[in-house]
């Protein structure tokens, strides 16, 4: 069973390694996975103790770009997701993808990103 967690408007779920087959990875000390459109705050993932985080992208412009639709990252050990307006969330080891939560607006008949 796949694990899915939510932190504000960010949704993270565990995925299989075939999702990153054509992507390159880079170790990072801190991964920003979302920028607050309203408050300017950000969702950050930081490794715990001796853990590491590997961010995956298809080119240099992907790395560090929190505005991508999907951010793939691997937690080796454990990591904590933080944001000024939410309680910290611990992620366990595995390959994760961050996707933005969206809502359907039936009055406009369109999808809208949830804004934090």
PDB file of N, CA and C in Angstrom:
ATOM      1  N   UNK A   1       0.838  -1.177   0.000  1.00  0.00           N
ATOM      2  CA  UNK A   1       0.000   0.000   0.000  1.00  0.00           C
ATOM      3  C   UNK A   1       0.882   1.239   0.000  1.00  0.00           C
ATOM      4  N   UNK A   2       0.545   2.217  -0.805  1.00  0.00           N
ATOM      5  CA  UNK A   2       1.311   3.455  -0.902  1.00  0.00           C
ATOM      6  C   UNK A   2       0.916   4.395   0.227  1.00  0.00           C
ATOM      7  N   UNK A   3       1.878   5.084   0.755  1.00  0.00           N
ATOM      8  CA  UNK A   3       1.639   6.022   1.832  1.00  0.00           C
ATOM      9  C   UNK A   3       1.432   7.418   1.248  1.00  0.00           C
ATOM     10  N   UNK A   4       0.400   8.120   1.721  1.00  0.00           N
ATOM     11  CA  UNK A   4       0.116   9.485   1.295  1.00  0.00           C
ATOM     12  C   UNK A   4      -0.013  10.352   2.538  1.00  0.00           C
ATOM     13  N   UNK A   5       0.679  11.502   2.547  1.00  0.00           N
ATOM     14  CA  UNK A   5       0.596  12.448   3.658  1.00  0.00           C
ATOM     15  C   UNK A   5       0.339  13.841   3.104  1.00  0.00           C
ATOM     16  N   UNK A   6      -0.251  14.677   3.954  1.00  0.00           N
ATOM     17  CA  UNK A   6      -0.581  16.053   3.551  1.00  0.00           C
ATOM     18  C   UNK A   6       0.020  17.010   4.569  1.00  0.00           C
ATOM     19  N   UNK A   7       0.570  18.105   4.076  1.00  0.00           N
ATOM     20  CA  UNK A   7       1.138  19.154   4.927  1.00  0.00           C
ATOM     21  C   UNK A   7       0.707  20.482   4.326  1.00  0.00           C
ATOM     22  N   UNK A   8      -0.370  21.073   4.881  1.00  0.00           N
ATOM     23  CA  UNK A   8      -0.930  22.279   4.286  1.00  0.00           C
ATOM     24  C   UNK A   8      -1.473  21.952   2.912  1.00  0.00           C
ATOM     25  N   UNK A   9      -1.045  22.697   1.902  1.00  0.00           N
ATOM     26  CA  UNK A   9      -1.507  22.436   0.537  1.00  0.00           C
ATOM     27  C   UNK A   9      -0.596  21.482  -0.227  1.00  0.00           C
ATOM     28  N   UNK A  10       0.400  20.935   0.439  1.00  0.00           N
ATOM     29  CA  UNK A  10       1.319  19.986  -0.178  1.00  0.00           C
ATOM     30  C   UNK A  10       0.853  18.564   0.102  1.00  0.00           C
ATOM     31  N   UNK A  11       0.848  17.738  -0.918  1.00  0.00           N
ATOM     32  CA  UNK A  11       0.536  16.321  -0.779  1.00  0.00           C
ATOM     33  C   UNK A  11       1.780  15.549  -1.195  1.00  0.00           C
ATOM     34  N   UNK A  12       2.205  14.607  -0.352  1.00  0.00           N
ATOM     35  CA  UNK A  12       3.366  13.788  -0.657  1.00  0.00           C
ATOM     36  C   UNK A  12       2.962  12.326  -0.611  1.00  0.00           C
ATOM     37  N   UNK A  13       3.416  11.588  -1.588  1.00  0.00           N
ATOM     38  CA  UNK A  13       3.120  10.160  -1.568  1.00  0.00           C
ATOM     39  C   UNK A  13       4.352   9.373  -1.968  1.00  0.00           C
ATOM     40  N   UNK A  14       4.449   8.171  -1.411  1.00  0.00           N
ATOM     41  CA  UNK A  14       5.549   7.286  -1.766  1.00  0.00           C
ATOM     42  C   UNK A  14       5.283   6.708  -3.140  1.00  0.00           C
ATOM     43  N   UNK A  15       6.354   6.584  -3.910  1.00  0.00           N
ATOM     44  CA  UNK A  15       6.242   6.058  -5.272  1.00  0.00           C
ATOM     45  C   UNK A  15       7.321   5.010  -5.497  1.00  0.00           C
ATOM     46  N   UNK A  16       7.200   4.290  -6.588  1.00  0.00           N
ATOM     47  CA  UNK A  16       8.188   3.272  -6.938  1.00  0.00           C
ATOM     48  C   UNK A  16       9.354   3.908  -7.694  1.00  0.00           C
ATOM     49  N   UNK A  17      10.459   3.214  -7.701  1.00  0.00           N
ATOM     50  CA  UNK A  17      11.686   3.764  -8.293  1.00  0.00           C
ATOM     51  C   UNK A  17      11.612   3.946  -9.802  1.00  0.00           C
ATOM     52  N   UNK A  18      10.662   3.310 -10.480  1.00  0.00           N
ATOM     53  CA  UNK A  18      10.565   3.501 -11.930  1.00  0.00           C
ATOM     54  C   UNK A  18      10.174   4.934 -12.289  1.00  0.00           C
ATOM     55  N   UNK A  19       9.635   5.705 -11.330  1.00  0.00           N
ATOM     56  CA  UNK A  19       9.248   7.098 -11.574  1.00  0.00           C
ATOM     57  C   UNK A  19      10.456   8.006 -11.798  1.00  0.00           C
ATOM     58  N   UNK A  20      11.638   7.571 -11.327  1.00  0.00           N
ATOM     59  CA  UNK A  20      12.833   8.414 -11.459  1.00  0.00           C
ATOM     60  C   UNK A  20      13.862   7.808 -12.411  1.00  0.00           C
ATOM     61  N   UNK A  21      13.451   6.831 -13.201  1.00  0.00           N
ATOM     62  CA  UNK A  21      14.380   6.103 -14.067  1.00  0.00           C
ATOM     63  C   UNK A  21      15.182   7.017 -14.981  1.00  0.00           C
ATOM     64  N   UNK A  22      14.594   8.084 -15.487  1.00  0.00           N
ATOM     65  CA  UNK A  22      15.279   8.976 -16.430  1.00  0.00           C
ATOM     66  C   UNK A  22      15.702  10.299 -15.799  1.00  0.00           C
ATOM     67  N   UNK A  23      15.708  10.363 -14.471  1.00  0.00           N
ATOM     68  CA  UNK A  23      16.051  11.603 -13.783  1.00  0.00           C
ATOM     69  C   UNK A  23      17.405  11.482 -13.113  1.00  0.00           C
ATOM     70  N   UNK A  24      18.087  12.611 -12.954  1.00  0.00           N
ATOM     71  CA  UNK A  24      19.346  12.610 -12.217  1.00  0.00           C
ATOM     72  C   UNK A  24      19.083  13.081 -10.789  1.00  0.00           C
ATOM     73  N   UNK A  25      19.918  12.649  -9.865  1.00  0.00           N
ATOM     74  CA  UNK A  25      19.721  13.001  -8.470  1.00  0.00           C
ATOM     75  C   UNK A  25      20.872  13.819  -7.904  1.00  0.00           C
ATOM     76  N   UNK A  26      20.543  14.694  -6.944  1.00  0.00           N
ATOM     77  CA  UNK A  26      21.547  15.497  -6.246  1.00  0.00           C
ATOM     78  C   UNK A  26      21.214  15.525  -4.766  1.00  0.00           C
ATOM     79  N   UNK A  27      22.239  15.305  -3.931  1.00  0.00           N
ATOM     80  CA  UNK A  27      22.047  15.421  -2.491  1.00  0.00           C
ATOM     81  C   UNK A  27      21.781  16.867  -2.118  1.00  0.00           C
ATOM     82  N   UNK A  28      20.938  17.067  -1.107  1.00  0.00           N
ATOM     83  CA  UNK A  28      20.649  18.418  -0.649  1.00  0.00           C
ATOM     84  C   UNK A  28      20.498  18.424   0.866  1.00  0.00           C
ATOM     85  N   UNK A  29      20.922  19.516   1.499  1.00  0.00           N
ATOM     86  CA  UNK A  29      20.785  19.665   2.946  1.00  0.00           C
ATOM     87  C   UNK A  29      19.394  20.137   3.335  1.00  0.00           C
ATOM     88  N   UNK A  30      18.712  20.799   2.409  1.00  0.00           N
ATOM     89  CA  UNK A  30      17.361  21.307   2.649  1.00  0.00           C
ATOM     90  C   UNK A  30      16.657  21.365   1.309  1.00  0.00           C
ATOM     91  N   UNK A  31      15.416  20.881   1.274  1.00  0.00           N
ATOM     92  CA  UNK A  31      14.648  20.875   0.037  1.00  0.00           C
ATOM     93  C   UNK A  31      13.386  21.696   0.259  1.00  0.00           C
ATOM     94  N   UNK A  32      13.249  22.778  -0.502  1.00  0.00           N
ATOM     95  CA  UNK A  32      12.036  23.597  -0.441  1.00  0.00           C
ATOM     96  C   UNK A  32      11.062  23.004  -1.444  1.00  0.00           C
ATOM     97  N   UNK A  33       9.900  22.543  -0.937  1.00  0.00           N
ATOM     98  CA  UNK A  33       8.928  21.878  -1.811  1.00  0.00           C
ATOM     99  C   UNK A  33       7.704  22.736  -2.096  1.00  0.00           C
ATOM    100  N   UNK A  34       7.621  23.911  -1.475  1.00  0.00           N
ATOM    101  CA  UNK A  34       6.477  24.767  -1.732  1.00  0.00           C
ATOM    102  C   UNK A  34       6.684  26.159  -1.182  1.00  0.00           C
ATOM    103  N   UNK A  35       6.220  27.136  -1.930  1.00  0.00           N
ATOM    104  CA  UNK A  35       6.309  28.540  -1.521  1.00  0.00           C
ATOM    105  C   UNK A  35       4.905  29.045  -1.238  1.00  0.00           C
ATOM    106  N   UNK A  36       4.718  29.719  -0.111  1.00  0.00           N
ATOM    107  CA  UNK A  36       3.416  30.269   0.245  1.00  0.00           C
ATOM    108  C   UNK A  36       3.079  31.458  -0.626  1.00  0.00           C
ATOM    109  N   UNK A  37       2.021  31.327  -1.415  1.00  0.00           N
ATOM    110  CA  UNK A  37       1.628  32.409  -2.318  1.00  0.00           C
ATOM    111  C   UNK A  37       1.071  33.604  -1.546  1.00  0.00           C
ATOM    112  N   UNK A  38       0.465  33.348  -0.398  1.00  0.00           N
ATOM    113  CA  UNK A  38      -0.170  34.402   0.382  1.00  0.00           C
ATOM    114  C   UNK A  38       0.776  34.958   1.437  1.00  0.00           C
ATOM    115  N   UNK A  39       1.426  34.073   2.210  1.00  0.00           N
ATOM    116  CA  UNK A  39       2.235  34.499   3.351  1.00  0.00           C
ATOM    117  C   UNK A  39       3.717  34.641   3.057  1.00  0.00           C
ATOM    118  N   UNK A  40       4.192  34.013   1.985  1.00  0.00           N
ATOM    119  CA  UNK A  40       5.623  34.018   1.700  1.00  0.00           C
ATOM    120  C   UNK A  40       6.382  32.946   2.468  1.00  0.00           C
ATOM    121  N   UNK A  41       5.684  32.177   3.297  1.00  0.00           N
ATOM    122  CA  UNK A  41       6.327  31.079   4.010  1.00  0.00           C
ATOM    123  C   UNK A  41       6.612  29.947   3.043  1.00  0.00           C
ATOM    124  N   UNK A  42       7.441  28.983   3.484  1.00  0.00           N
ATOM    125  CA  UNK A  42       7.759  27.873   2.595  1.00  0.00           C
ATOM    126  C   UNK A  42       7.744  26.551   3.334  1.00  0.00           C
ATOM    127  N   UNK A  43       7.416  25.495   2.607  1.00  0.00           N
ATOM    128  CA  UNK A  43       7.482  24.128   3.111  1.00  0.00           C
ATOM    129  C   UNK A  43       8.900  23.633   2.830  1.00  0.00           C
ATOM    130  N   UNK A  44       9.603  23.217   3.886  1.00  0.00           N
ATOM    131  CA  UNK A  44      10.978  22.751   3.750  1.00  0.00           C
ATOM    132  C   UNK A  44      11.096  21.335   4.298  1.00  0.00           C
ATOM    133  N   UNK A  45      11.942  20.551   3.653  1.00  0.00           N
ATOM    134  CA  UNK A  45      12.256  19.218   4.153  1.00  0.00           C
ATOM    135  C   UNK A  45      13.731  19.203   4.519  1.00  0.00           C
ATOM    136  N   UNK A  46      14.015  18.784   5.751  1.00  0.00           N
ATOM    137  CA  UNK A  46      15.396  18.696   6.209  1.00  0.00           C
ATOM    138  C   UNK A  46      15.641  17.300   6.774  1.00  0.00           C
ATOM    139  N   UNK A  47      16.833  16.753   6.539  1.00  0.00           N
ATOM    140  CA  UNK A  47      17.141  15.417   7.059  1.00  0.00           C
ATOM    141  C   UNK A  47      17.311  15.439   8.573  1.00  0.00           C
ATOM    142  N   UNK A  48      17.025  14.313   9.206  1.00  0.00           N
ATOM    143  CA  UNK A  48      17.186  14.155  10.649  1.00  0.00           C
ATOM    144  C   UNK A  48      18.479  13.386  10.903  1.00  0.00           C
ATOM    145  N   UNK A  49      19.297  13.904  11.823  1.00  0.00           N
ATOM    146  CA  UNK A  49      20.558  13.262  12.229  1.00  0.00           C
ATOM    147  C   UNK A  49      21.436  12.943  11.020  1.00  0.00           C
ATOM    148  N   UNK A  50      21.757  11.673  10.807  1.00  0.00           N
ATOM    149  CA  UNK A  50      22.669  11.266   9.729  1.00  0.00           C
ATOM    150  C   UNK A  50      21.941  10.928   8.429  1.00  0.00           C
ATOM    151  N   UNK A  51      20.692  11.292   8.323  1.00  0.00           N
ATOM    152  CA  UNK A  51      19.907  10.999   7.129  1.00  0.00           C
ATOM    153  C   UNK A  51      20.317  11.909   5.974  1.00  0.00           C
ATOM    154  N   UNK A  52      19.899  11.539   4.777  1.00  0.00           N
ATOM    155  CA  UNK A  52      20.165  12.365   3.597  1.00  0.00           C
ATOM    156  C   UNK A  52      18.908  12.482   2.752  1.00  0.00           C
ATOM    157  N   UNK A  53      18.884  13.526   1.930  1.00  0.00           N
ATOM    158  CA  UNK A  53      17.798  13.739   0.980  1.00  0.00           C
ATOM    159  C   UNK A  53      18.416  13.887  -0.406  1.00  0.00           C
ATOM    160  N   UNK A  54      17.845  13.186  -1.368  1.00  0.00           N
ATOM    161  CA  UNK A  54      18.277  13.288  -2.760  1.00  0.00           C
ATOM    162  C   UNK A  54      17.101  13.855  -3.551  1.00  0.00           C
ATOM    163  N   UNK A  55      17.345  14.976  -4.228  1.00  0.00           N
ATOM    164  CA  UNK A  55      16.330  15.581  -5.090  1.00  0.00           C
ATOM    165  C   UNK A  55      16.568  15.096  -6.513  1.00  0.00           C
ATOM    166  N   UNK A  56      15.479  14.809  -7.246  1.00  0.00           N
ATOM    167  CA  UNK A  56      15.590  14.319  -8.619  1.00  0.00           C
ATOM    168  C   UNK A  56      15.012  15.335  -9.592  1.00  0.00           C
ATOM    169  N   UNK A  57      15.685  15.476 -10.723  1.00  0.00           N
ATOM    170  CA  UNK A  57      15.212  16.396 -11.747  1.00  0.00           C
ATOM    171  C   UNK A  57      15.700  15.982 -13.115  1.00  0.00           C
ATOM    172  N   UNK A  58      15.136  16.619 -14.130  1.00  0.00           N
ATOM    173  CA  UNK A  58      15.527  16.283 -15.498  1.00  0.00           C
ATOM    174  C   UNK A  58      16.572  17.250 -16.051  1.00  0.00           C
ATOM    175  N   UNK A  59      17.007  18.200 -15.247  1.00  0.00           N
ATOM    176  CA  UNK A  59      18.031  19.150 -15.670  1.00  0.00           C
ATOM    177  C   UNK A  59      18.306  20.151 -14.571  1.00  0.00           C
ATOM    178  N   UNK A  60      19.343  20.969 -14.755  1.00  0.00           N
ATOM    179  CA  UNK A  60      19.738  21.922 -13.716  1.00  0.00           C
ATOM    180  C   UNK A  60      18.626  22.880 -13.319  1.00  0.00           C
ATOM    181  N   UNK A  61      17.751  23.230 -14.249  1.00  0.00           N
ATOM    182  CA  UNK A  61      16.680  24.189 -13.932  1.00  0.00           C
ATOM    183  C   UNK A  61      15.645  23.589 -12.975  1.00  0.00           C
ATOM    184  N   UNK A  62      15.599  22.272 -12.852  1.00  0.00           N
ATOM    185  CA  UNK A  62      14.662  21.631 -11.929  1.00  0.00           C
ATOM    186  C   UNK A  62      15.118  21.745 -10.472  1.00  0.00           C
ATOM    187  N   UNK A  63      16.412  21.623 -10.239  1.00  0.00           N
ATOM    188  CA  UNK A  63      16.913  21.563  -8.869  1.00  0.00           C
ATOM    189  C   UNK A  63      16.709  22.898  -8.157  1.00  0.00           C
ATOM    190  N   UNK A  64      16.075  22.820  -6.995  1.00  0.00           N
ATOM    191  CA  UNK A  64      15.783  24.020  -6.218  1.00  0.00           C
ATOM    192  C   UNK A  64      14.555  24.776  -6.685  1.00  0.00           C
ATOM    193  N   UNK A  65      13.850  24.276  -7.692  1.00  0.00           N
ATOM    194  CA  UNK A  65      12.659  24.940  -8.223  1.00  0.00           C
ATOM    195  C   UNK A  65      11.420  24.384  -7.522  1.00  0.00           C
ATOM    196  N   UNK A  66      10.923  25.111  -6.525  1.00  0.00           N
ATOM    197  CA  UNK A  66       9.780  24.655  -5.731  1.00  0.00           C
ATOM    198  C   UNK A  66       8.461  24.812  -6.464  1.00  0.00           C
ATOM    199  N   UNK A  67       8.465  25.434  -7.624  1.00  0.00           N
ATOM    200  CA  UNK A  67       7.221  25.679  -8.351  1.00  0.00           C
ATOM    201  C   UNK A  67       6.905  24.593  -9.376  1.00  0.00           C
ATOM    202  N   UNK A  68       7.738  23.549  -9.446  1.00  0.00           N
ATOM    203  CA  UNK A  68       7.446  22.431 -10.350  1.00  0.00           C
ATOM    204  C   UNK A  68       6.148  21.754  -9.925  1.00  0.00           C
ATOM    205  N   UNK A  69       5.433  21.183 -10.865  1.00  0.00           N
ATOM    206  CA  UNK A  69       4.197  20.469 -10.543  1.00  0.00           C
ATOM    207  C   UNK A  69       4.465  19.258  -9.665  1.00  0.00           C
ATOM    208  N   UNK A  70       5.532  18.550  -9.930  1.00  0.00           N
ATOM    209  CA  UNK A  70       5.884  17.364  -9.146  1.00  0.00           C
ATOM    210  C   UNK A  70       7.360  17.441  -8.789  1.00  0.00           C
ATOM    211  N   UNK A  71       7.670  17.209  -7.524  1.00  0.00           N
ATOM    212  CA  UNK A  71       9.060  17.174  -7.071  1.00  0.00           C
ATOM    213  C   UNK A  71       9.315  15.778  -6.513  1.00  0.00           C
ATOM    214  N   UNK A  72      10.242  15.064  -7.137  1.00  0.00           N
ATOM    215  CA  UNK A  72      10.619  13.734  -6.670  1.00  0.00           C
ATOM    216  C   UNK A  72      11.835  13.863  -5.762  1.00  0.00           C
ATOM    217  N   UNK A  73      11.800  13.155  -4.633  1.00  0.00           N
ATOM    218  CA  UNK A  73      12.927  13.172  -3.714  1.00  0.00           C
ATOM    219  C   UNK A  73      12.963  11.868  -2.931  1.00  0.00           C
ATOM    220  N   UNK A  74      14.164  11.496  -2.530  1.00  0.00           N
ATOM    221  CA  UNK A  74      14.339  10.275  -1.756  1.00  0.00           C
ATOM    222  C   UNK A  74      14.850  10.633  -0.377  1.00  0.00           C
ATOM    223  N   UNK A  75      14.223  10.058   0.628  1.00  0.00           N
ATOM    224  CA  UNK A  75      14.660  10.214   2.005  1.00  0.00           C
ATOM    225  C   UNK A  75      15.415   8.944   2.368  1.00  0.00           C
ATOM    226  N   UNK A  76      16.660   9.112   2.756  1.00  0.00           N
ATOM    227  CA  UNK A  76      17.468   7.983   3.223  1.00  0.00           C
ATOM    228  C   UNK A  76      17.634   8.173   4.727  1.00  0.00           C
ATOM    229  N   UNK A  77      16.810   7.491   5.485  1.00  0.00           N
ATOM    230  CA  UNK A  77      16.733   7.667   6.930  1.00  0.00           C
ATOM    231  C   UNK A  77      15.375   8.255   7.263  1.00  0.00           C
ATOM    232  N   UNK A  78      15.377   9.476   7.791  1.00  0.00           N
ATOM    233  CA  UNK A  78      14.114  10.185   8.027  1.00  0.00           C
ATOM    234  C   UNK A  78      14.340  11.677   7.838  1.00  0.00           C
ATOM    235  N   UNK A  79      13.247  12.394   7.620  1.00  0.00           N
ATOM    236  CA  UNK A  79      13.322  13.834   7.382  1.00  0.00           C
ATOM    237  C   UNK A  79      12.079  14.492   7.960  1.00  0.00           C
ATOM    238  N   UNK A  80      12.182  15.797   8.185  1.00  0.00           N
ATOM    239  CA  UNK A  80      11.075  16.555   8.761  1.00  0.00           C
ATOM    240  C   UNK A  80      10.632  17.638   7.792  1.00  0.00           C
ATOM    241  N   UNK A  81       9.305  17.719   7.593  1.00  0.00           N
ATOM    242  CA  UNK A  81       8.711  18.781   6.779  1.00  0.00           C
ATOM    243  C   UNK A  81       8.274  19.876   7.735  1.00  0.00           C
ATOM    244  N   UNK A  82       8.703  21.122   7.475  1.00  0.00           N
ATOM    245  CA  UNK A  82       8.331  22.241   8.335  1.00  0.00           C
ATOM    246  C   UNK A  82       7.715  23.366   7.527  1.00  0.00           C
ATOM    247  N   UNK A  83       6.890  24.157   8.206  1.00  0.00           N
ATOM    248  CA  UNK A  83       6.238  25.338   7.658  1.00  0.00           C
ATOM    249  C   UNK A  83       5.791  26.149   8.863  1.00  0.00           C
ATOM    250  N   UNK A  84       5.863  27.449   8.768  1.00  0.00           N
ATOM    251  CA  UNK A  84       5.560  28.318   9.896  1.00  0.00           C
ATOM    252  C   UNK A  84       4.136  28.172  10.432  1.00  0.00           C
ATOM    253  N   UNK A  85       3.197  27.734   9.601  1.00  0.00           N
ATOM    254  CA  UNK A  85       1.796  27.668  10.011  1.00  0.00           C
ATOM    255  C   UNK A  85       1.281  26.249  10.250  1.00  0.00           C
ATOM    256  N   UNK A  86       2.164  25.236  10.151  1.00  0.00           N
ATOM    257  CA  UNK A  86       1.742  23.851  10.323  1.00  0.00           C
ATOM    258  C   UNK A  86       2.672  23.141  11.296  1.00  0.00           C
ATOM    259  N   UNK A  87       2.177  22.091  11.926  1.00  0.00           N
ATOM    260  CA  UNK A  87       3.015  21.269  12.791  1.00  0.00           C
ATOM    261  C   UNK A  87       4.028  20.517  11.936  1.00  0.00           C
ATOM    262  N   UNK A  88       5.218  20.240  12.488  1.00  0.00           N
ATOM    263  CA  UNK A  88       6.209  19.458  11.747  1.00  0.00           C
ATOM    264  C   UNK A  88       5.662  18.065  11.422  1.00  0.00           C
ATOM    265  N   UNK A  89       6.121  17.523  10.319  1.00  0.00           N
ATOM    266  CA  UNK A  89       5.695  16.200   9.861  1.00  0.00           C
ATOM    267  C   UNK A  89       6.940  15.396   9.541  1.00  0.00           C
ATOM    268  N   UNK A  90       7.040  14.186  10.074  1.00  0.00           N
ATOM    269  CA  UNK A  90       8.196  13.329   9.818  1.00  0.00           C
ATOM    270  C   UNK A  90       7.902  12.387   8.658  1.00  0.00           C
ATOM    271  N   UNK A  91       8.836  12.347   7.713  1.00  0.00           N
ATOM    272  CA  UNK A  91       8.752  11.421   6.581  1.00  0.00           C
ATOM    273  C   UNK A  91       9.725  10.287   6.823  1.00  0.00           C
ATOM    274  N   UNK A  92       9.286   9.063   6.566  1.00  0.00           N
ATOM    275  CA  UNK A  92      10.176   7.926   6.719  1.00  0.00           C
ATOM    276  C   UNK A  92      10.936   7.678   5.419  1.00  0.00           C
ATOM    277  N   UNK A  93      11.802   6.694   5.464  1.00  0.00           N
ATOM    278  CA  UNK A  93      12.661   6.384   4.332  1.00  0.00           C
ATOM    279  C   UNK A  93      11.850   5.948   3.124  1.00  0.00           C
ATOM    280  N   UNK A  94      12.291   6.399   1.959  1.00  0.00           N
ATOM    281  CA  UNK A  94      11.651   5.988   0.719  1.00  0.00           C
ATOM    282  C   UNK A  94      11.714   7.057  -0.340  1.00  0.00           C
ATOM    283  N   UNK A  95      11.165   6.736  -1.495  1.00  0.00           N
ATOM    284  CA  UNK A  95      11.084   7.663  -2.615  1.00  0.00           C
ATOM    285  C   UNK A  95       9.717   8.328  -2.575  1.00  0.00           C
ATOM    286  N   UNK A  96       9.701   9.649  -2.609  1.00  0.00           N
ATOM    287  CA  UNK A  96       8.480  10.437  -2.466  1.00  0.00           C
ATOM    288  C   UNK A  96       8.302  11.365  -3.658  1.00  0.00           C
ATOM    289  N   UNK A  97       7.067  11.761  -3.899  1.00  0.00           N
ATOM    290  CA  UNK A  97       6.775  12.820  -4.853  1.00  0.00           C
ATOM    291  C   UNK A  97       5.877  13.827  -4.150  1.00  0.00           C
ATOM    292  N   UNK A  98       6.189  15.110  -4.339  1.00  0.00           N
ATOM    293  CA  UNK A  98       5.330  16.182  -3.817  1.00  0.00           C
ATOM    294  C   UNK A  98       4.495  16.696  -4.971  1.00  0.00           C
ATOM    295  N   UNK A  99       3.197  16.717  -4.769  1.00  0.00           N
ATOM    296  CA  UNK A  99       2.292  17.286  -5.757  1.00  0.00           C
ATOM    297  C   UNK A  99       1.463  18.361  -5.079  1.00  0.00           C
ATOM    298  N   UNK A 100       1.064  19.362  -5.830  1.00  0.00           N
ATOM    299  CA  UNK A 100       0.214  20.407  -5.263  1.00  0.00           C
ATOM    300  C   UNK A 100      -1.219  19.924  -5.196  1.00  0.00           C
ATOM    301  N   UNK A 101      -1.873  20.238  -4.085  1.00  0.00           N
ATOM    302  CA  UNK A 101      -3.283  19.894  -3.959  1.00  0.00           C
ATOM    303  C   UNK A 101      -4.094  20.819  -4.859  1.00  0.00           C
ATOM    304  N   UNK A 102      -5.088  20.259  -5.535  1.00  0.00           N
ATOM    305  CA  UNK A 102      -5.954  21.057  -6.394  1.00  0.00           C
ATOM    306  C   UNK A 102      -7.410  20.820  -6.017  1.00  0.00           C
ATOM    307  N   UNK A 103      -8.234  21.789  -6.291  1.00  0.00           N
ATOM    308  CA  UNK A 103      -9.682  21.693  -6.085  1.00  0.00           C
ATOM    309  C   UNK A 103     -10.378  21.971  -7.406  1.00  0.00           C
ATOM    310  N   UNK A 104     -11.532  21.387  -7.553  1.00  0.00           N
ATOM    311  CA  UNK A 104     -12.357  21.673  -8.712  1.00  0.00           C
ATOM    312  C   UNK A 104     -13.372  22.736  -8.326  1.00  0.00           C
ATOM    313  N   UNK A 105     -13.429  23.835  -9.087  1.00  0.00           N
ATOM    314  CA  UNK A 105     -14.398  24.890  -8.861  1.00  0.00           C
ATOM    315  C   UNK A 105     -15.550  24.675  -9.844  1.00  0.00           C
ATOM    316  N   UNK A 106     -16.707  24.194  -9.338  1.00  0.00           N
ATOM    317  CA  UNK A 106     -17.810  23.886 -10.254  1.00  0.00           C
ATOM    318  C   UNK A 106     -18.443  25.135 -10.876  1.00  0.00           C
ATOM    319  N   UNK A 107     -18.284  26.299 -10.232  1.00  0.00           N
ATOM    320  CA  UNK A 107     -18.864  27.517 -10.768  1.00  0.00           C
ATOM    321  C   UNK A 107     -18.071  28.034 -11.969  1.00  0.00           C
ATOM    322  N   UNK A 108     -16.747  27.906 -11.884  1.00  0.00           N
ATOM    323  CA  UNK A 108     -15.886  28.295 -13.000  1.00  0.00           C
ATOM    324  C   UNK A 108     -15.616  27.125 -13.941  1.00  0.00           C
ATOM    325  N   UNK A 109     -15.948  25.909 -13.484  1.00  0.00           N
ATOM    326  CA  UNK A 109     -15.680  24.672 -14.211  1.00  0.00           C
ATOM    327  C   UNK A 109     -14.199  24.543 -14.561  1.00  0.00           C
ATOM    328  N   UNK A 110     -13.367  24.738 -13.536  1.00  0.00           N
ATOM    329  CA  UNK A 110     -11.927  24.603 -13.746  1.00  0.00           C
ATOM    330  C   UNK A 110     -11.254  24.131 -12.469  1.00  0.00           C
ATOM    331  N   UNK A 111     -10.027  23.618 -12.637  1.00  0.00           N
ATOM    332  CA  UNK A 111      -9.215  23.203 -11.514  1.00  0.00           C
ATOM    333  C   UNK A 111      -8.415  24.389 -11.014  1.00  0.00           C
ATOM    334  N   UNK A 112      -8.269  24.489  -9.685  1.00  0.00           N
ATOM    335  CA  UNK A 112      -7.495  25.570  -9.079  1.00  0.00           C
ATOM    336  C   UNK A 112      -6.522  24.982  -8.078  1.00  0.00           C
ATOM    337  N   UNK A 113      -5.295  25.515  -8.036  1.00  0.00           N
ATOM    338  CA  UNK A 113      -4.342  25.106  -7.013  1.00  0.00           C
ATOM    339  C   UNK A 113      -4.839  25.619  -5.661  1.00  0.00           C
ATOM    340  N   UNK A 114      -4.672  24.793  -4.629  1.00  0.00           N
ATOM    341  CA  UNK A 114      -4.980  25.238  -3.277  1.00  0.00           C
ATOM    342  C   UNK A 114      -3.874  26.170  -2.858  1.00  0.00           C
ATOM    343  N   UNK A 115      -4.244  27.328  -2.314  1.00  0.00           N
ATOM    344  CA  UNK A 115      -3.246  28.326  -1.930  1.00  0.00           C
ATOM    345  C   UNK A 115      -3.060  28.322  -0.434  1.00  0.00           C
ATOM    346  N   UNK A 116      -1.807  28.355  -0.012  1.00  0.00           N
ATOM    347  CA  UNK A 116      -1.442  28.296   1.388  1.00  0.00           C
ATOM    348  C   UNK A 116      -1.078  29.680   1.896  1.00  0.00           C
TER     349      UNK A 116
END
